[in-house]
Amino acid sequence: MSANEKPLIAIVGATSKQGRSVAAALLESQRFRVRALTRKKDSPEALRLEKLGAEIVKVPLELGRQKDLVAAFAGADGAFLMTADRPAGDD
């Protein structure tokens, strides 16, 4: 399977502890391409993921930046992201 035929997984917060772990595992499996979404493309964590083969994309995760976020997911076959766990009743 060529690199472009592998499913592309977009990982939000790819330079966080959990995101890095997921990205590294997917890349190590050699079954997936990884698009690492981060606020800092030049952080040590992002540079390490890039060396492993991840595509690094700078995405500001703030209100009003929907176009940037949608573009970051373009062409992705799947996604990994973590959400904050809120206690029931905090809606």
N, C-alpha and C. Protein backbone atom coordinates (compact mmCIF):
# COMPACT_ATOMS: atom_id res chain seq x y z
N MET A 1 0.84 -1.17 0.00
CA MET A 1 0.00 0.00 0.00
C MET A 1 0.89 1.24 0.00
N SER A 2 0.68 2.14 -0.96
CA SER A 2 1.49 3.36 -1.00
C SER A 2 1.07 4.30 0.12
N ALA A 3 1.93 5.24 0.42
CA ALA A 3 1.67 6.17 1.52
C ALA A 3 0.36 6.92 1.31
N ASN A 4 0.06 7.32 0.08
CA ASN A 4 -1.17 8.08 -0.17
C ASN A 4 -2.43 7.24 -0.08
N GLU A 5 -2.30 5.92 -0.11
CA GLU A 5 -3.47 5.04 0.00
C GLU A 5 -3.82 4.75 1.45
N LYS A 6 -2.92 5.04 2.36
CA LYS A 6 -3.18 4.79 3.77
C LYS A 6 -4.21 5.78 4.28
N PRO A 7 -5.12 5.35 5.17
CA PRO A 7 -6.10 6.28 5.74
C PRO A 7 -5.39 7.40 6.50
N LEU A 8 -5.94 8.60 6.37
CA LEU A 8 -5.41 9.78 7.04
C LEU A 8 -6.21 10.06 8.31
N ILE A 9 -5.51 10.13 9.43
CA ILE A 9 -6.15 10.43 10.71
C ILE A 9 -5.67 11.80 11.18
N ALA A 10 -6.63 12.69 11.43
CA ALA A 10 -6.32 14.02 11.97
C ALA A 10 -6.39 13.94 13.49
N ILE A 11 -5.37 14.45 14.14
CA ILE A 11 -5.32 14.39 15.61
C ILE A 11 -5.28 15.80 16.17
N VAL A 12 -6.34 16.16 16.88
CA VAL A 12 -6.41 17.47 17.52
C VAL A 12 -5.60 17.40 18.82
N GLY A 13 -4.78 18.41 19.04
CA GLY A 13 -3.94 18.41 20.24
C GLY A 13 -2.86 17.35 20.16
N ALA A 14 -2.29 17.20 18.98
CA ALA A 14 -1.32 16.13 18.75
C ALA A 14 -0.04 16.28 19.55
N THR A 15 0.24 17.45 20.08
CA THR A 15 1.46 17.61 20.86
C THR A 15 1.21 17.44 22.36
N SER A 16 -0.04 17.17 22.73
CA SER A 16 -0.33 16.87 24.14
C SER A 16 0.13 15.45 24.44
N LYS A 17 0.18 15.11 25.70
CA LYS A 17 0.65 13.78 26.10
C LYS A 17 -0.18 12.67 25.42
N GLN A 18 -1.49 12.78 25.49
CA GLN A 18 -2.36 11.76 24.89
C GLN A 18 -2.28 11.79 23.38
N GLY A 19 -2.32 12.98 22.79
CA GLY A 19 -2.26 13.11 21.33
C GLY A 19 -0.96 12.57 20.75
N ARG A 20 0.15 12.87 21.41
CA ARG A 20 1.46 12.35 20.95
C ARG A 20 1.48 10.84 20.98
N SER A 21 0.91 10.27 22.02
CA SER A 21 0.89 8.81 22.15
C SER A 21 0.09 8.17 21.01
N VAL A 22 -1.07 8.74 20.73
CA VAL A 22 -1.91 8.22 19.65
C VAL A 22 -1.19 8.38 18.31
N ALA A 23 -0.64 9.56 18.05
CA ALA A 23 0.06 9.81 16.79
C ALA A 23 1.22 8.84 16.60
N ALA A 24 2.02 8.67 17.64
CA ALA A 24 3.17 7.78 17.55
C ALA A 24 2.74 6.34 17.28
N ALA A 25 1.69 5.90 17.96
CA ALA A 25 1.21 4.52 17.76
C ALA A 25 0.70 4.32 16.34
N LEU A 26 -0.05 5.29 15.82
CA LEU A 26 -0.56 5.17 14.45
C LEU A 26 0.57 5.16 13.43
N LEU A 27 1.54 6.04 13.62
CA LEU A 27 2.67 6.09 12.70
C LEU A 27 3.51 4.82 12.79
N GLU A 28 3.71 4.33 14.00
CA GLU A 28 4.50 3.12 14.19
C GLU A 28 3.86 1.91 13.53
N SER A 29 2.52 1.88 13.50
CA SER A 29 1.82 0.76 12.88
C SER A 29 2.04 0.71 11.37
N GLN A 30 2.41 1.84 10.79
CA GLN A 30 2.63 1.99 9.35
C GLN A 30 1.37 1.73 8.54
N ARG A 31 0.22 1.79 9.20
CA ARG A 31 -1.05 1.58 8.51
C ARG A 31 -1.81 2.87 8.25
N PHE A 32 -1.31 3.99 8.84
CA PHE A 32 -2.03 5.25 8.75
C PHE A 32 -1.08 6.40 8.45
N ARG A 33 -1.62 7.43 7.84
CA ARG A 33 -0.96 8.73 7.76
C ARG A 33 -1.54 9.56 8.90
N VAL A 34 -0.75 10.46 9.45
CA VAL A 34 -1.19 11.28 10.57
C VAL A 34 -1.06 12.75 10.22
N ARG A 35 -2.14 13.48 10.44
CA ARG A 35 -2.10 14.93 10.36
C ARG A 35 -2.21 15.44 11.79
N ALA A 36 -1.14 16.03 12.28
CA ALA A 36 -1.06 16.49 13.66
C ALA A 36 -1.47 17.95 13.73
N LEU A 37 -2.60 18.22 14.37
CA LEU A 37 -3.09 19.58 14.53
C LEU A 37 -2.55 20.15 15.84
N THR A 38 -1.93 21.30 15.75
CA THR A 38 -1.30 21.91 16.91
C THR A 38 -1.32 23.42 16.79
N ARG A 39 -1.15 24.10 17.91
CA ARG A 39 -1.06 25.56 17.89
C ARG A 39 0.35 26.03 17.58
N LYS A 40 1.35 25.17 17.80
CA LYS A 40 2.75 25.56 17.60
C LYS A 40 3.47 24.52 16.73
N LYS A 41 3.65 24.87 15.46
CA LYS A 41 4.33 23.96 14.52
C LYS A 41 5.79 23.73 14.86
N ASP A 42 6.39 24.68 15.57
CA ASP A 42 7.82 24.58 15.85
C ASP A 42 8.13 24.12 17.27
N SER A 43 7.13 23.61 17.98
CA SER A 43 7.39 23.10 19.33
C SER A 43 8.23 21.82 19.23
N PRO A 44 8.98 21.50 20.27
CA PRO A 44 9.77 20.27 20.24
C PRO A 44 8.92 19.03 19.97
N GLU A 45 7.72 18.99 20.54
CA GLU A 45 6.84 17.84 20.34
C GLU A 45 6.40 17.73 18.88
N ALA A 46 6.04 18.87 18.27
CA ALA A 46 5.62 18.86 16.87
C ALA A 46 6.78 18.44 15.96
N LEU A 47 7.96 18.93 16.24
CA LEU A 47 9.12 18.57 15.44
C LEU A 47 9.44 17.08 15.54
N ARG A 48 9.25 16.50 16.73
CA ARG A 48 9.47 15.06 16.90
C ARG A 48 8.45 14.26 16.08
N LEU A 49 7.19 14.70 16.12
CA LEU A 49 6.16 14.00 15.33
C LEU A 49 6.44 14.12 13.84
N GLU A 50 6.92 15.28 13.42
CA GLU A 50 7.26 15.47 12.01
C GLU A 50 8.37 14.51 11.59
N LYS A 51 9.36 14.32 12.46
CA LYS A 51 10.45 13.37 12.16
C LYS A 51 9.93 11.94 12.03
N LEU A 52 8.85 11.64 12.77
CA LEU A 52 8.25 10.31 12.69
C LEU A 52 7.40 10.13 11.43
N GLY A 53 7.12 11.25 10.75
CA GLY A 53 6.36 11.17 9.51
C GLY A 53 5.01 11.86 9.53
N ALA A 54 4.67 12.53 10.60
CA ALA A 54 3.39 13.23 10.68
C ALA A 54 3.42 14.51 9.86
N GLU A 55 2.27 14.84 9.31
CA GLU A 55 2.07 16.14 8.67
C GLU A 55 1.65 17.10 9.79
N ILE A 56 2.35 18.18 9.97
CA ILE A 56 2.06 19.12 11.05
C ILE A 56 1.27 20.30 10.49
N VAL A 57 0.12 20.59 11.11
CA VAL A 57 -0.74 21.68 10.67
C VAL A 57 -1.03 22.59 11.86
N LYS A 58 -0.73 23.87 11.67
CA LYS A 58 -1.02 24.85 12.72
C LYS A 58 -2.49 25.24 12.65
N VAL A 59 -3.19 25.05 13.75
CA VAL A 59 -4.61 25.37 13.82
C VAL A 59 -4.91 26.07 15.14
N PRO A 60 -5.35 27.33 15.08
CA PRO A 60 -5.74 27.99 16.32
C PRO A 60 -7.10 27.45 16.77
N LEU A 61 -7.15 26.90 17.96
CA LEU A 61 -8.40 26.32 18.47
C LEU A 61 -9.13 27.35 19.32
N GLU A 62 -9.71 28.32 18.64
CA GLU A 62 -10.43 29.37 19.34
C GLU A 62 -11.69 29.72 18.55
N LEU A 63 -12.61 30.38 19.20
CA LEU A 63 -13.85 30.77 18.55
C LEU A 63 -13.58 31.65 17.34
N GLY A 64 -14.39 31.48 16.31
CA GLY A 64 -14.26 32.29 15.11
C GLY A 64 -13.27 31.77 14.10
N ARG A 65 -12.66 30.63 14.34
CA ARG A 65 -11.65 30.08 13.42
C ARG A 65 -12.14 28.80 12.75
N GLN A 66 -13.46 28.72 12.52
CA GLN A 66 -14.04 27.51 11.96
C GLN A 66 -13.45 27.13 10.61
N LYS A 67 -13.19 28.12 9.74
CA LYS A 67 -12.64 27.82 8.41
C LYS A 67 -11.29 27.12 8.52
N ASP A 68 -10.45 27.59 9.44
CA ASP A 68 -9.14 26.96 9.63
C ASP A 68 -9.29 25.52 10.11
N LEU A 69 -10.22 25.30 11.02
CA LEU A 69 -10.42 23.97 11.57
C LEU A 69 -10.99 23.02 10.51
N VAL A 70 -11.97 23.50 9.76
CA VAL A 70 -12.55 22.68 8.69
C VAL A 70 -11.48 22.32 7.67
N ALA A 71 -10.65 23.27 7.30
CA ALA A 71 -9.58 23.00 6.33
C ALA A 71 -8.59 21.97 6.86
N ALA A 72 -8.33 22.00 8.15
CA ALA A 72 -7.38 21.06 8.75
C ALA A 72 -7.88 19.62 8.67
N PHE A 73 -9.19 19.45 8.64
CA PHE A 73 -9.77 18.10 8.56
C PHE A 73 -10.02 17.65 7.12
N ALA A 74 -9.82 18.52 6.14
CA ALA A 74 -10.09 18.18 4.74
C ALA A 74 -9.32 16.93 4.33
N GLY A 75 -10.03 15.98 3.79
CA GLY A 75 -9.40 14.75 3.29
C GLY A 75 -9.12 13.70 4.35
N ALA A 76 -9.42 14.00 5.60
CA ALA A 76 -9.15 13.02 6.67
C ALA A 76 -10.19 11.91 6.64
N ASP A 77 -9.73 10.71 6.90
CA ASP A 77 -10.61 9.55 6.98
C ASP A 77 -11.12 9.30 8.39
N GLY A 78 -10.44 9.88 9.36
CA GLY A 78 -10.83 9.71 10.75
C GLY A 78 -10.20 10.80 11.59
N ALA A 79 -10.60 10.87 12.84
CA ALA A 79 -10.08 11.91 13.72
C ALA A 79 -9.96 11.38 15.14
N PHE A 80 -9.03 11.96 15.87
CA PHE A 80 -8.89 11.70 17.30
C PHE A 80 -8.86 13.05 18.00
N LEU A 81 -9.69 13.19 19.01
CA LEU A 81 -9.66 14.38 19.83
C LEU A 81 -10.20 14.04 21.21
N MET A 82 -9.77 14.83 22.16
CA MET A 82 -10.23 14.64 23.53
C MET A 82 -11.11 15.82 23.88
N THR A 83 -12.14 15.56 24.67
CA THR A 83 -13.00 16.63 25.14
C THR A 83 -12.95 16.66 26.65
N ALA A 84 -13.25 17.80 27.20
CA ALA A 84 -13.27 17.93 28.65
C ALA A 84 -14.48 17.18 29.20
N ASP A 85 -14.26 16.47 30.26
CA ASP A 85 -15.35 15.75 30.91
C ASP A 85 -15.95 16.68 31.95
N ARG A 86 -17.24 16.95 31.79
CA ARG A 86 -17.92 17.81 32.75
C ARG A 86 -18.91 17.00 33.56
N PRO A 87 -19.04 17.31 34.82
CA PRO A 87 -20.02 16.61 35.64
C PRO A 87 -21.43 16.85 35.13
N ALA A 88 -22.33 15.90 35.32
CA ALA A 88 -23.72 16.04 34.91
C ALA A 88 -24.31 17.29 35.53
N GLY A 89 -25.11 18.00 34.75
CA GLY A 89 -25.76 19.21 35.26
C GLY A 89 -24.99 20.47 34.96
N ASP A 90 -23.80 20.38 34.40
CA ASP A 90 -23.01 21.56 34.07
C ASP A 90 -23.26 22.06 32.65
N ASP A 91 -24.33 21.64 32.03
CA ASP A 91 -24.61 22.02 30.63
C ASP A 91 -24.93 23.46 30.50
